[in-house]
Amino acid sequence: MAATYDAIVVGGGHNGLVAAAYLARSGARTLVLEGRHKTGGAATTEAPWPEAPEFKVTRLSYVMSLMPPTIIKDLDLARHGYQIYPMGGHAALGCLASRAGRGARAAAADRAARHRLAQAA
């Protein structure tokens, strides 16, 4: 017998997960489909530079600070581990600078990371 659902949410980013939570809470049998290997979308933390896997950055997690407090409270996200860690704009460069003096490989990784950060800005 095939599974049946009342709602199918395509995309397991933060918006899709919020929609799915509200649907499920209202009693709908809800399925979330995500094409990536993990959910969270812009709210994930990853190591995007193969040459420097120790550098972990957020994809766009700052957008989570824009989530309305009513949703955070309504879905009791703190109980599920949701927490915002404010970061200043200097944080990424501070992490890069902390590797100074650790050899040619670290310096090359720092240059590559700075280049990517500059492209993203």
N, C-alpha and C. Protein backbone atom coordinates (compact mmCIF):
# COMPACT_ATOMS: atom_id res chain seq x y z
N MET A 1 0.84 -1.18 0.00
CA MET A 1 0.00 0.00 0.00
C MET A 1 0.89 1.25 0.00
N ALA A 2 0.61 2.15 -0.85
CA ALA A 2 1.39 3.39 -0.95
C ALA A 2 1.04 4.32 0.21
N ALA A 3 2.05 5.06 0.67
CA ALA A 3 1.81 6.04 1.74
C ALA A 3 1.00 7.20 1.19
N THR A 4 0.14 7.72 2.01
CA THR A 4 -0.64 8.89 1.60
C THR A 4 -0.35 10.03 2.57
N TYR A 5 -0.35 11.21 2.03
CA TYR A 5 -0.06 12.40 2.82
C TYR A 5 -1.10 13.46 2.52
N ASP A 6 -1.35 14.27 3.52
CA ASP A 6 -2.24 15.42 3.33
C ASP A 6 -1.48 16.60 2.73
N ALA A 7 -0.19 16.66 3.02
CA ALA A 7 0.63 17.76 2.52
C ALA A 7 2.04 17.26 2.23
N ILE A 8 2.61 17.73 1.14
CA ILE A 8 3.99 17.45 0.80
C ILE A 8 4.70 18.78 0.65
N VAL A 9 5.74 18.98 1.45
CA VAL A 9 6.51 20.21 1.40
C VAL A 9 7.79 19.91 0.62
N VAL A 10 7.99 20.64 -0.46
CA VAL A 10 9.19 20.46 -1.28
C VAL A 10 10.22 21.48 -0.82
N GLY A 11 11.28 20.98 -0.22
CA GLY A 11 12.34 21.84 0.28
C GLY A 11 12.38 21.81 1.79
N GLY A 12 13.51 21.37 2.33
CA GLY A 12 13.67 21.27 3.78
C GLY A 12 14.51 22.38 4.35
N GLY A 13 14.41 23.57 3.75
CA GLY A 13 15.06 24.74 4.34
C GLY A 13 14.26 25.23 5.53
N HIS A 14 14.71 26.31 6.14
CA HIS A 14 14.01 26.76 7.35
C HIS A 14 12.56 27.13 7.07
N ASN A 15 12.27 27.70 5.91
CA ASN A 15 10.88 28.03 5.60
C ASN A 15 10.03 26.78 5.40
N GLY A 16 10.57 25.80 4.68
CA GLY A 16 9.85 24.55 4.48
C GLY A 16 9.61 23.81 5.78
N LEU A 17 10.61 23.82 6.66
CA LEU A 17 10.46 23.13 7.94
C LEU A 17 9.43 23.81 8.83
N VAL A 18 9.39 25.14 8.79
CA VAL A 18 8.37 25.87 9.56
C VAL A 18 6.98 25.53 9.02
N ALA A 19 6.84 25.57 7.69
CA ALA A 19 5.55 25.23 7.09
C ALA A 19 5.13 23.81 7.46
N ALA A 20 6.07 22.86 7.37
CA ALA A 20 5.77 21.47 7.70
C ALA A 20 5.37 21.32 9.17
N ALA A 21 6.04 22.05 10.05
CA ALA A 21 5.72 21.97 11.47
C ALA A 21 4.29 22.43 11.73
N TYR A 22 3.92 23.55 11.12
CA TYR A 22 2.55 24.05 11.30
C TYR A 22 1.52 23.08 10.70
N LEU A 23 1.82 22.53 9.53
CA LEU A 23 0.91 21.57 8.91
C LEU A 23 0.74 20.34 9.80
N ALA A 24 1.86 19.79 10.26
CA ALA A 24 1.81 18.59 11.10
C ALA A 24 1.08 18.87 12.42
N ARG A 25 1.35 20.03 12.98
CA ARG A 25 0.70 20.38 14.24
C ARG A 25 -0.81 20.51 14.08
N SER A 26 -1.25 20.88 12.89
CA SER A 26 -2.69 21.01 12.65
C SER A 26 -3.34 19.66 12.36
N GLY A 27 -2.51 18.60 12.33
CA GLY A 27 -3.05 17.27 12.13
C GLY A 27 -2.83 16.69 10.74
N ALA A 28 -2.21 17.43 9.84
CA ALA A 28 -1.97 16.94 8.49
C ALA A 28 -0.82 15.94 8.49
N ARG A 29 -0.99 14.83 7.80
CA ARG A 29 0.13 13.90 7.58
C ARG A 29 1.06 14.58 6.60
N THR A 30 2.23 14.95 7.04
CA THR A 30 3.11 15.82 6.27
C THR A 30 4.41 15.12 5.92
N LEU A 31 4.84 15.29 4.68
CA LEU A 31 6.11 14.77 4.20
C LEU A 31 6.95 15.93 3.72
N VAL A 32 8.22 15.97 4.14
CA VAL A 32 9.17 16.99 3.67
C VAL A 32 10.15 16.31 2.73
N LEU A 33 10.31 16.85 1.54
CA LEU A 33 11.28 16.34 0.57
C LEU A 33 12.41 17.35 0.43
N GLU A 34 13.63 16.87 0.60
CA GLU A 34 14.81 17.74 0.49
C GLU A 34 15.81 17.07 -0.43
N GLY A 35 16.33 17.82 -1.38
CA GLY A 35 17.28 17.28 -2.35
C GLY A 35 18.70 17.15 -1.83
N ARG A 36 19.04 17.91 -0.81
CA ARG A 36 20.39 17.83 -0.26
C ARG A 36 20.49 16.70 0.74
N HIS A 37 21.69 16.46 1.25
CA HIS A 37 21.92 15.38 2.21
C HIS A 37 21.47 15.74 3.62
N LYS A 38 21.08 17.00 3.84
CA LYS A 38 20.59 17.41 5.15
C LYS A 38 19.59 18.54 5.00
N THR A 39 18.78 18.71 6.01
CA THR A 39 17.80 19.79 5.99
C THR A 39 18.40 21.04 6.61
N GLY A 40 17.70 22.13 6.48
CA GLY A 40 18.12 23.38 7.09
C GLY A 40 18.35 24.51 6.11
N GLY A 41 18.66 24.18 4.85
CA GLY A 41 18.84 25.22 3.84
C GLY A 41 19.87 26.25 4.25
N ALA A 42 19.46 27.50 4.25
CA ALA A 42 20.37 28.60 4.58
C ALA A 42 20.81 28.59 6.04
N ALA A 43 20.16 27.79 6.85
CA ALA A 43 20.48 27.77 8.28
C ALA A 43 21.51 26.70 8.65
N THR A 44 22.21 26.17 7.67
CA THR A 44 23.19 25.12 7.95
C THR A 44 24.60 25.69 8.10
N THR A 45 25.43 24.94 8.76
CA THR A 45 26.85 25.26 8.88
C THR A 45 27.62 24.19 8.12
N GLU A 46 28.56 24.63 7.28
CA GLU A 46 29.30 23.69 6.45
C GLU A 46 30.76 24.08 6.35
N ALA A 47 31.55 23.15 5.84
CA ALA A 47 32.97 23.39 5.56
C ALA A 47 33.11 23.42 4.04
N PRO A 48 32.95 24.59 3.41
CA PRO A 48 32.88 24.66 1.95
C PRO A 48 34.21 24.60 1.21
N TRP A 49 35.33 24.70 1.93
CA TRP A 49 36.62 24.73 1.27
C TRP A 49 37.37 23.44 1.52
N PRO A 50 37.49 22.59 0.50
CA PRO A 50 38.18 21.30 0.68
C PRO A 50 39.61 21.47 1.18
N GLU A 51 40.27 22.55 0.79
CA GLU A 51 41.65 22.74 1.21
C GLU A 51 41.76 23.25 2.65
N ALA A 52 40.63 23.58 3.27
CA ALA A 52 40.64 24.07 4.65
C ALA A 52 39.38 23.58 5.37
N PRO A 53 39.26 22.27 5.59
CA PRO A 53 38.03 21.74 6.18
C PRO A 53 37.78 22.19 7.61
N GLU A 54 38.79 22.73 8.27
CA GLU A 54 38.59 23.21 9.64
C GLU A 54 37.82 24.52 9.71
N PHE A 55 37.67 25.21 8.57
CA PHE A 55 36.89 26.44 8.53
C PHE A 55 35.44 26.08 8.26
N LYS A 56 34.60 26.32 9.23
CA LYS A 56 33.17 26.07 9.08
C LYS A 56 32.45 27.41 9.07
N VAL A 57 31.59 27.58 8.11
CA VAL A 57 30.85 28.83 7.98
C VAL A 57 29.37 28.53 7.79
N THR A 58 28.58 29.53 8.06
CA THR A 58 27.15 29.39 7.81
C THR A 58 26.88 29.70 6.35
N ARG A 59 25.89 29.04 5.80
CA ARG A 59 25.52 29.32 4.42
C ARG A 59 24.90 30.72 4.36
N LEU A 60 23.94 30.98 5.11
CA LEU A 60 23.30 32.29 5.24
C LEU A 60 22.53 32.34 6.56
N SER A 61 23.09 31.75 7.59
CA SER A 61 22.34 31.59 8.84
C SER A 61 21.92 32.91 9.47
N TYR A 62 22.53 34.01 9.06
CA TYR A 62 22.09 35.30 9.62
C TYR A 62 20.61 35.52 9.36
N VAL A 63 20.06 34.90 8.31
CA VAL A 63 18.63 35.09 8.03
C VAL A 63 17.78 34.51 9.15
N MET A 64 18.34 33.57 9.92
CA MET A 64 17.58 33.00 11.03
C MET A 64 17.30 34.06 12.09
N SER A 65 18.16 35.06 12.18
CA SER A 65 17.90 36.12 13.15
C SER A 65 16.71 36.97 12.73
N LEU A 66 16.28 36.80 11.48
CA LEU A 66 15.11 37.53 11.00
C LEU A 66 13.81 36.76 11.20
N MET A 67 13.91 35.53 11.70
CA MET A 67 12.70 34.75 11.93
C MET A 67 11.84 35.45 12.98
N PRO A 68 10.57 35.61 12.68
CA PRO A 68 9.71 36.30 13.65
C PRO A 68 9.68 35.59 15.00
N PRO A 69 9.82 36.35 16.06
CA PRO A 69 9.78 35.76 17.41
C PRO A 69 8.49 34.98 17.66
N THR A 70 7.41 35.36 17.00
CA THR A 70 6.16 34.63 17.20
C THR A 70 6.29 33.18 16.74
N ILE A 71 7.02 32.93 15.65
CA ILE A 71 7.23 31.56 15.18
C ILE A 71 8.14 30.81 16.15
N ILE A 72 9.19 31.46 16.61
CA ILE A 72 10.12 30.84 17.55
C ILE A 72 9.37 30.39 18.80
N LYS A 73 8.51 31.26 19.31
CA LYS A 73 7.74 30.93 20.51
C LYS A 73 6.64 29.92 20.22
N ASP A 74 5.92 30.14 19.13
CA ASP A 74 4.78 29.30 18.79
C ASP A 74 5.18 27.84 18.58
N LEU A 75 6.33 27.61 17.95
CA LEU A 75 6.81 26.24 17.70
C LEU A 75 7.74 25.75 18.81
N ASP A 76 7.94 26.56 19.84
CA ASP A 76 8.78 26.20 20.98
C ASP A 76 10.15 25.71 20.51
N LEU A 77 10.76 26.50 19.62
CA LEU A 77 12.01 26.08 18.99
C LEU A 77 13.17 25.96 19.98
N ALA A 78 13.17 26.76 21.03
CA ALA A 78 14.25 26.65 22.03
C ALA A 78 14.27 25.26 22.66
N ARG A 79 13.10 24.69 22.87
CA ARG A 79 13.02 23.34 23.45
C ARG A 79 13.65 22.30 22.52
N HIS A 80 13.69 22.62 21.23
CA HIS A 80 14.26 21.71 20.24
C HIS A 80 15.72 22.07 19.90
N GLY A 81 16.30 22.99 20.66
CA GLY A 81 17.71 23.31 20.47
C GLY A 81 17.99 24.56 19.67
N TYR A 82 16.96 25.29 19.25
CA TYR A 82 17.19 26.51 18.47
C TYR A 82 17.79 27.59 19.35
N GLN A 83 18.91 28.14 18.89
CA GLN A 83 19.56 29.22 19.60
C GLN A 83 20.31 30.07 18.59
N ILE A 84 20.27 31.37 18.77
CA ILE A 84 21.00 32.29 17.89
C ILE A 84 22.31 32.66 18.57
N TYR A 85 23.39 32.58 17.81
CA TYR A 85 24.70 33.00 18.29
C TYR A 85 25.11 34.23 17.49
N PRO A 86 24.90 35.44 18.03
CA PRO A 86 25.26 36.65 17.28
C PRO A 86 26.75 36.68 16.97
N MET A 87 27.06 37.13 15.76
CA MET A 87 28.46 37.23 15.35
C MET A 87 28.68 38.57 14.69
N GLY A 88 29.81 39.16 14.95
CA GLY A 88 30.18 40.41 14.30
C GLY A 88 30.72 40.13 12.92
N GLY A 89 30.80 41.15 12.08
CA GLY A 89 31.30 40.99 10.73
C GLY A 89 32.77 40.60 10.66
N HIS A 90 33.48 40.77 11.73
CA HIS A 90 34.91 40.46 11.75
C HIS A 90 35.20 39.01 12.11
N ALA A 91 34.19 38.23 12.44
CA ALA A 91 34.42 36.89 12.97
C ALA A 91 35.18 35.98 12.00
N ALA A 92 34.80 35.98 10.73
CA ALA A 92 35.45 35.09 9.76
C ALA A 92 36.93 35.48 9.60
N LEU A 93 37.19 36.76 9.49
CA LEU A 93 38.58 37.18 9.34
C LEU A 93 39.37 36.91 10.61
N GLY A 94 38.75 37.03 11.76
CA GLY A 94 39.42 36.71 13.01
C GLY A 94 39.85 35.26 13.04
N CYS A 95 38.98 34.37 12.55
CA CYS A 95 39.33 32.95 12.49
C CYS A 95 40.49 32.73 11.53
N LEU A 96 40.46 33.42 10.41
CA LEU A 96 41.55 33.27 9.44
C LEU A 96 42.86 33.77 10.03
N ALA A 97 42.83 34.90 10.70
CA ALA A 97 44.05 35.48 11.24
C ALA A 97 44.65 34.59 12.32
N SER A 98 43.84 33.80 13.00
CA SER A 98 44.35 32.97 14.08
C SER A 98 45.25 31.86 13.57
N ARG A 99 45.26 31.61 12.26
CA ARG A 99 46.10 30.56 11.69
C ARG A 99 47.46 31.09 11.26
N ALA A 100 47.72 32.35 11.47
CA ALA A 100 48.98 32.95 11.03
C ALA A 100 50.16 32.18 11.59
N GLY A 101 51.18 32.00 10.77
CA GLY A 101 52.41 31.34 11.20
C GLY A 101 52.33 29.83 11.25
N ARG A 102 51.33 29.22 10.62
CA ARG A 102 51.18 27.77 10.71
C ARG A 102 51.61 27.06 9.44
N GLY A 103 52.40 27.72 8.61
CA GLY A 103 52.96 27.03 7.45
C GLY A 103 52.33 27.43 6.14
N ALA A 104 52.96 26.95 5.05
CA ALA A 104 52.55 27.33 3.70
C ALA A 104 51.15 26.83 3.37
N ARG A 105 50.80 25.61 3.80
CA ARG A 105 49.47 25.08 3.51
C ARG A 105 48.38 25.93 4.17
N ALA A 106 48.62 26.32 5.43
CA ALA A 106 47.65 27.17 6.14
C ALA A 106 47.53 28.52 5.46
N ALA A 107 48.68 29.07 5.03
CA ALA A 107 48.66 30.38 4.35
C ALA A 107 47.90 30.29 3.03
N ALA A 108 48.10 29.22 2.28
CA ALA A 108 47.38 29.04 1.02
C ALA A 108 45.88 28.89 1.27
N ALA A 109 45.52 28.15 2.29
CA ALA A 109 44.10 27.99 2.62
C ALA A 109 43.50 29.32 3.04
N ASP A 110 44.27 30.11 3.81
CA ASP A 110 43.79 31.44 4.21
C ASP A 110 43.55 32.33 2.99
N ARG A 111 44.50 32.32 2.04
CA ARG A 111 44.33 33.14 0.84
C ARG A 111 43.09 32.70 0.06
N ALA A 112 42.91 31.40 -0.09
CA ALA A 112 41.74 30.89 -0.81
C ALA A 112 40.45 31.28 -0.10
N ALA A 113 40.44 31.17 1.22
CA ALA A 113 39.24 31.53 1.98
C ALA A 113 38.96 33.02 1.89
N ARG A 114 40.00 33.85 1.99
CA ARG A 114 39.80 35.30 1.87
C ARG A 114 39.27 35.66 0.49
N HIS A 115 39.79 35.00 -0.53
CA HIS A 115 39.33 35.25 -1.91
C HIS A 115 37.85 34.92 -2.01
N ARG A 116 37.44 33.78 -1.48
CA ARG A 116 36.02 33.39 -1.55
C ARG A 116 35.16 34.34 -0.73
N LEU A 117 35.65 34.77 0.42
CA LEU A 117 34.89 35.73 1.23
C LEU A 117 34.72 37.04 0.48
N ALA A 118 35.77 37.49 -0.21
CA ALA A 118 35.69 38.73 -0.98
C ALA A 118 34.70 38.60 -2.13
N GLN A 119 34.67 37.43 -2.77
CA GLN A 119 33.71 37.20 -3.86
C GLN A 119 32.29 37.21 -3.35
N ALA A 120 32.08 36.70 -2.14
CA ALA A 120 30.73 36.63 -1.58
C ALA A 120 30.24 37.99 -1.11
N ALA A 121 31.15 38.89 -0.81
CA ALA A 121 30.76 40.20 -0.27
C ALA A 121 30.11 41.09 -1.29
